Amino acid sequence: MTEKPLILVTNDDGINAPGIRTLISVMKTLGDVVVVAPDSPQSGMGHAITLDSTLYAERVDFGDDTIKEYSCSGTPADCVKLAIRELLPKKPDLCVSGINHGSNSSINVIYSGTMSAALEAGIEGIAAIGFSLLNYKWQANFEACKSFVKNISENVLKHGLPNGIVLNVNIPDIIESEIKGIKVCRQARANWVEEFDKRVNPQGKEYYWLSGKFVNLDEGDDTDEWALENNYVSLVPIQFDLTAHRLINDLKNWNLK
């Protein structure tokens, strides 16, 4: 008999989030599943890791004895590190992160704990995918995500991914019959125009609330933002090598001493 693939499941919304429960239900159909996820929401943590305090990983039971699940006190990147080094019997064949409650398209990938977990797996040479639904509500309906999550995951298990590359998948918040398909695309050039709401607490100390507006600066029809606006699932291959290779030769011609 062919051995089932070992699949690590994680997220940044916490182990109780509906998104990860949906992701687990799909992964169960594809292989043996181990879950290592934060014990509380870790959205916007990026690739933060725990250095100055202890980490805990506690076995938890969601009523399925075929799956090992661990609730971790750390960040999404911590979860992947701890899973690989301590909790898994071997290196997983696939790591999936999500399904995130909210978009991780365009510049959002930089801040995303969901995608940082996937990138951490990629650093370890593990094929990895981050999945997100464009709905920030806790009660979001993830039903339309299932077939696309399964299809993309099956393809990654079959074909693999090059070293250093992971997939960023965003799914529009519409019913499945309205989704036109999967569009392989690039990350749109966009950013957040941010503001801070300055207030004063009852003790007279100033504090700030971050707010802002997402602005798409990219008019291309080959971007993740275009795909999502036009009812496609966006699939962007991303990498953790941040080197601007095209500038290297120019910099060598500077008068650097």
Protein backbone atom coordinates (compact mmCIF):
# COMPACT_ATOMS: atom_id res chain seq x y z
CA MET A 1 0.00 0.00 0.00
CA THR A 2 1.14 3.56 -0.73
CA GLU A 3 1.93 5.53 2.40
CA LYS A 4 -0.30 8.54 2.89
CA PRO A 5 1.36 11.95 2.78
CA LEU A 6 1.94 13.65 6.13
CA ILE A 7 0.29 17.07 6.20
CA LEU A 8 1.01 19.79 8.76
CA VAL A 9 -1.89 22.22 9.29
CA THR A 10 -1.46 25.59 10.99
CA ASN A 11 -2.86 29.13 10.90
CA ASP A 12 -2.73 32.54 12.57
CA ASP A 13 -6.35 32.91 13.71
CA GLY A 14 -6.00 30.29 16.43
CA ILE A 15 -6.70 26.58 16.64
CA ASN A 16 -10.41 27.15 17.33
CA ALA A 17 -11.02 29.29 14.25
CA PRO A 18 -13.63 28.03 11.76
CA GLY A 19 -11.16 28.52 8.93
CA ILE A 20 -8.64 26.01 10.22
CA ARG A 21 -11.40 23.54 11.08
CA THR A 22 -12.48 23.67 7.42
CA LEU A 23 -8.89 23.24 6.24
CA ILE A 24 -8.46 20.20 8.48
CA SER A 25 -11.61 18.60 7.09
CA VAL A 26 -10.22 18.87 3.55
CA MET A 27 -6.72 17.69 4.44
CA LYS A 28 -8.15 14.58 6.09
CA THR A 29 -9.19 13.40 2.63
CA LEU A 30 -5.64 13.76 1.30
CA GLY A 31 -3.36 12.33 3.98
CA ASP A 32 -2.41 11.94 7.63
CA VAL A 33 -2.93 15.23 9.44
CA VAL A 34 -1.12 16.83 12.36
CA VAL A 35 -2.27 20.24 13.56
CA VAL A 36 0.01 22.68 15.37
CA ALA A 37 -1.64 26.08 15.67
CA PRO A 38 -1.62 29.09 18.00
CA ASP A 39 -3.73 28.96 21.13
CA SER A 40 -4.99 32.51 20.42
CA PRO A 41 -5.26 34.83 17.40
CA GLN A 42 -1.92 35.93 15.96
CA SER A 43 -3.04 37.98 12.95
CA GLY A 44 -0.55 40.55 11.68
CA MET A 45 2.38 38.91 13.46
CA GLY A 46 4.31 38.46 10.22
CA HIS A 47 7.37 36.25 10.72
CA ALA A 48 7.78 36.99 14.42
CA ILE A 49 9.30 34.24 16.56
CA THR A 50 9.47 33.82 20.33
CA LEU A 51 12.94 34.50 21.75
CA ASP A 52 12.51 35.87 25.27
CA SER A 53 9.92 33.56 26.78
CA THR A 54 9.05 29.88 26.95
CA LEU A 55 6.90 28.02 24.43
CA TYR A 56 4.19 25.52 25.27
CA ALA A 57 2.48 22.94 23.08
CA GLU A 58 -0.50 21.12 24.57
CA ARG A 59 -2.38 18.20 23.04
CA VAL A 60 -6.01 19.09 22.43
CA ASP A 61 -8.97 16.95 21.45
CA PHE A 62 -11.58 18.02 18.92
CA GLY A 63 -13.27 14.63 18.84
CA ASP A 64 -11.28 12.96 16.03
CA ASP A 65 -8.76 10.43 17.30
CA THR A 66 -7.24 10.04 13.82
CA ILE A 67 -5.71 13.51 14.08
CA LYS A 68 -3.07 14.78 16.50
CA GLU A 69 -3.65 18.40 17.42
CA TYR A 70 -1.45 20.74 19.45
CA SER A 71 -2.29 24.17 20.76
CA CYS A 72 0.88 26.28 20.83
CA SER A 73 1.55 29.40 22.87
CA GLY A 74 3.72 30.90 20.14
CA THR A 75 3.41 32.64 16.79
CA PRO A 76 2.55 30.91 13.48
CA ALA A 77 6.26 30.68 12.62
CA ASP A 78 6.90 29.19 16.08
CA CYS A 79 4.23 26.57 15.41
CA VAL A 80 5.95 25.37 12.25
CA LYS A 81 9.40 25.38 13.82
CA LEU A 82 8.20 23.42 16.86
CA ALA A 83 6.21 20.99 14.74
CA ILE A 84 9.17 20.11 12.55
CA ARG A 85 11.73 19.87 15.33
CA GLU A 86 9.70 18.31 18.15
CA LEU A 87 6.15 17.22 17.43
CA LEU A 88 6.10 15.45 14.06
CA PRO A 89 7.42 11.92 13.49
CA LYS A 90 9.11 13.08 10.26
CA LYS A 91 9.29 16.07 7.94
CA PRO A 92 5.82 16.63 6.45
CA ASP A 93 5.15 16.27 2.75
CA LEU A 94 2.97 19.38 2.80
CA CYS A 95 2.27 22.32 5.10
CA VAL A 96 -0.98 24.22 4.70
CA SER A 97 -1.80 27.41 6.59
CA GLY A 98 -5.24 28.97 7.00
CA ILE A 99 -7.90 29.21 5.93
CA ASN A 100 -7.34 32.80 7.00
CA HIS A 101 -10.25 35.00 7.95
CA GLY A 102 -9.47 37.88 5.57
CA SER A 103 -7.36 38.77 2.57
CA ASN A 104 -3.65 38.12 2.25
CA SER A 105 -3.37 39.42 -1.31
CA SER A 106 -0.86 41.97 -2.55
CA ILE A 107 1.15 43.79 0.17
CA ASN A 108 -0.82 42.02 2.92
CA VAL A 109 1.47 39.01 2.46
CA ILE A 110 4.22 40.99 4.22
CA TYR A 111 2.25 41.30 7.46
CA SER A 112 0.50 37.95 7.36
CA GLY A 113 1.03 35.34 10.04
CA THR A 114 -0.74 32.85 7.78
CA MET A 115 1.79 33.31 5.01
CA SER A 116 4.75 33.49 7.37
CA ALA A 117 3.86 30.02 8.61
CA ALA A 118 3.86 28.78 5.02
CA LEU A 119 7.15 30.57 4.32
CA GLU A 120 8.72 29.02 7.42
CA ALA A 121 7.84 25.60 6.04
CA GLY A 122 9.29 26.62 2.69
CA ILE A 123 12.55 27.60 4.37
CA GLU A 124 12.72 24.02 5.66
CA GLY A 125 12.27 22.64 2.14
CA ILE A 126 8.62 21.68 2.65
CA ALA A 127 6.00 22.33 -0.02
CA ALA A 128 3.64 24.88 1.50
CA ILE A 129 0.46 26.80 0.73
CA GLY A 130 -1.31 29.63 2.51
CA PHE A 131 -5.07 29.88 2.00
CA SER A 132 -7.22 32.95 2.73
CA LEU A 133 -10.88 33.87 2.29
CA LEU A 134 -11.82 37.49 1.69
CA ASN A 135 -14.09 37.63 4.74
CA TYR A 136 -12.81 38.82 8.12
CA LYS A 137 -15.83 37.67 10.11
CA TRP A 138 -15.46 34.80 12.57
CA GLN A 139 -18.73 33.34 11.24
CA ALA A 140 -17.52 33.41 7.60
CA ASN A 141 -18.81 30.62 5.35
CA PHE A 142 -15.84 28.58 4.09
CA GLU A 143 -17.87 26.06 2.11
CA ALA A 144 -16.94 27.55 -1.28
CA CYS A 145 -13.24 27.20 -0.41
CA LYS A 146 -13.19 23.42 -0.08
CA SER A 147 -12.97 22.30 -3.71
CA PHE A 148 -10.27 24.86 -4.54
CA VAL A 149 -8.25 24.03 -1.44
CA LYS A 150 -8.40 20.36 -2.32
CA ASN A 151 -7.55 20.84 -5.99
CA ILE A 152 -4.53 23.06 -5.36
CA SER A 153 -3.25 20.85 -2.53
CA GLU A 154 -3.57 17.73 -4.66
CA ASN A 155 -1.57 19.39 -7.42
CA VAL A 156 1.18 20.43 -5.01
CA LEU A 157 1.38 16.90 -3.60
CA LYS A 158 1.61 15.55 -7.14
CA HIS A 159 4.00 18.06 -8.72
CA GLY A 160 5.85 19.53 -5.74
CA LEU A 161 7.21 23.07 -5.60
CA PRO A 162 10.71 24.42 -6.30
CA ASN A 163 12.88 25.05 -3.25
CA GLY A 164 12.20 28.46 -1.80
CA ILE A 165 8.77 28.86 -3.39
CA VAL A 166 5.39 28.69 -1.62
CA LEU A 167 1.89 29.46 -2.86
CA ASN A 168 -0.33 32.30 -1.71
CA VAL A 169 -3.98 31.50 -2.47
CA ASN A 170 -6.82 33.97 -1.93
CA ILE A 171 -10.47 33.07 -2.45
CA PRO A 172 -13.25 35.61 -3.13
CA ASP A 173 -16.13 35.68 -0.67
CA ILE A 174 -18.87 34.54 -3.03
CA ILE A 175 -20.75 31.28 -3.57
CA GLU A 176 -18.82 28.56 -5.39
CA SER A 177 -20.96 28.68 -8.55
CA GLU A 178 -19.96 32.34 -9.06
CA ILE A 179 -16.21 31.66 -8.86
CA LYS A 180 -14.85 31.57 -12.42
CA GLY A 181 -11.81 29.42 -11.65
CA ILE A 182 -8.21 29.72 -10.48
CA LYS A 183 -6.00 32.46 -11.93
CA VAL A 184 -2.21 32.14 -11.63
CA CYS A 185 -0.99 35.70 -11.26
CA ARG A 186 1.49 38.10 -9.70
CA GLN A 187 1.25 40.16 -6.54
CA ALA A 188 -0.34 43.53 -7.20
CA ARG A 189 1.53 46.73 -6.40
CA ALA A 190 -0.57 48.20 -3.62
CA ASN A 191 -0.23 49.58 -0.14
CA TRP A 192 -2.07 50.81 2.92
CA VAL A 193 -2.59 54.55 3.44
CA GLU A 194 -2.44 54.52 7.20
CA GLU A 195 -3.64 56.85 9.92
CA PHE A 196 -3.40 56.83 13.70
CA ASP A 197 -6.39 57.78 15.81
CA LYS A 198 -4.84 59.60 18.77
CA ARG A 199 -6.74 59.46 22.05
CA VAL A 200 -6.20 60.05 25.78
CA ASN A 201 -7.01 57.46 28.43
CA PRO A 202 -8.65 58.31 31.81
CA GLN A 203 -5.20 58.65 33.38
CA GLY A 204 -4.23 61.32 30.82
CA LYS A 205 -1.85 59.13 28.84
CA GLU A 206 -1.95 59.35 25.06
CA TYR A 207 -2.53 56.23 22.99
CA TYR A 208 -3.14 55.38 19.33
CA TRP A 209 -5.40 53.15 17.21
CA LEU A 210 -4.04 52.19 13.79
CA SER A 211 -6.45 52.54 10.88
CA GLY A 212 -6.09 52.93 7.16
CA LYS A 213 -7.33 52.33 3.64
CA PHE A 214 -6.05 49.75 1.17
CA VAL A 215 -5.09 51.35 -2.16
CA ASN A 216 -4.43 49.30 -5.30
CA LEU A 217 -1.88 51.17 -7.42
CA ASP A 218 -1.65 48.47 -10.07
CA GLU A 219 -3.78 48.59 -13.23
CA GLY A 220 -2.52 45.27 -14.58
CA ASP A 221 -4.94 42.47 -15.43
CA ASP A 222 -2.45 39.81 -14.36
CA THR A 223 -2.48 40.56 -10.62
CA ASP A 224 -4.07 38.94 -7.61
CA GLU A 225 -6.21 42.02 -6.98
CA TRP A 226 -7.58 41.92 -10.53
CA ALA A 227 -8.32 38.21 -10.23
CA LEU A 228 -10.19 38.61 -6.96
CA GLU A 229 -12.17 41.62 -8.19
CA ASN A 230 -13.23 39.54 -11.20
CA ASN A 231 -14.35 36.50 -9.16
CA TYR A 232 -11.29 34.30 -9.63
CA VAL A 233 -9.28 32.49 -6.98
CA SER A 234 -5.83 34.10 -7.08
CA LEU A 235 -2.72 31.91 -6.90
CA VAL A 236 0.62 33.69 -6.53
CA PRO A 237 3.97 31.89 -6.16
CA ILE A 238 6.05 33.78 -3.61
CA GLN A 239 9.59 33.43 -2.28
CA PHE A 240 11.51 34.31 0.84
CA ASP A 241 14.63 35.40 -1.06
CA LEU A 242 14.16 39.18 -0.92
CA THR A 243 17.28 39.96 -2.95
CA ALA A 244 16.69 42.51 -5.73
CA HIS A 245 18.78 40.55 -8.20
CA ARG A 246 18.35 43.05 -11.03
CA LEU A 247 20.19 45.73 -9.04
CA ILE A 248 23.26 43.71 -8.09
CA ASN A 249 25.33 44.56 -11.19
CA ASP A 250 24.44 48.26 -10.95
CA LEU A 251 25.56 48.38 -7.33
CA LYS A 252 28.88 46.77 -8.24
CA ASN A 253 29.58 49.83 -10.41
CA TRP A 254 29.15 52.26 -7.51
CA ASN A 255 32.20 53.79 -5.92
CA LEU A 256 31.91 51.64 -2.83
CA LYS A 257 34.93 51.49 -0.51
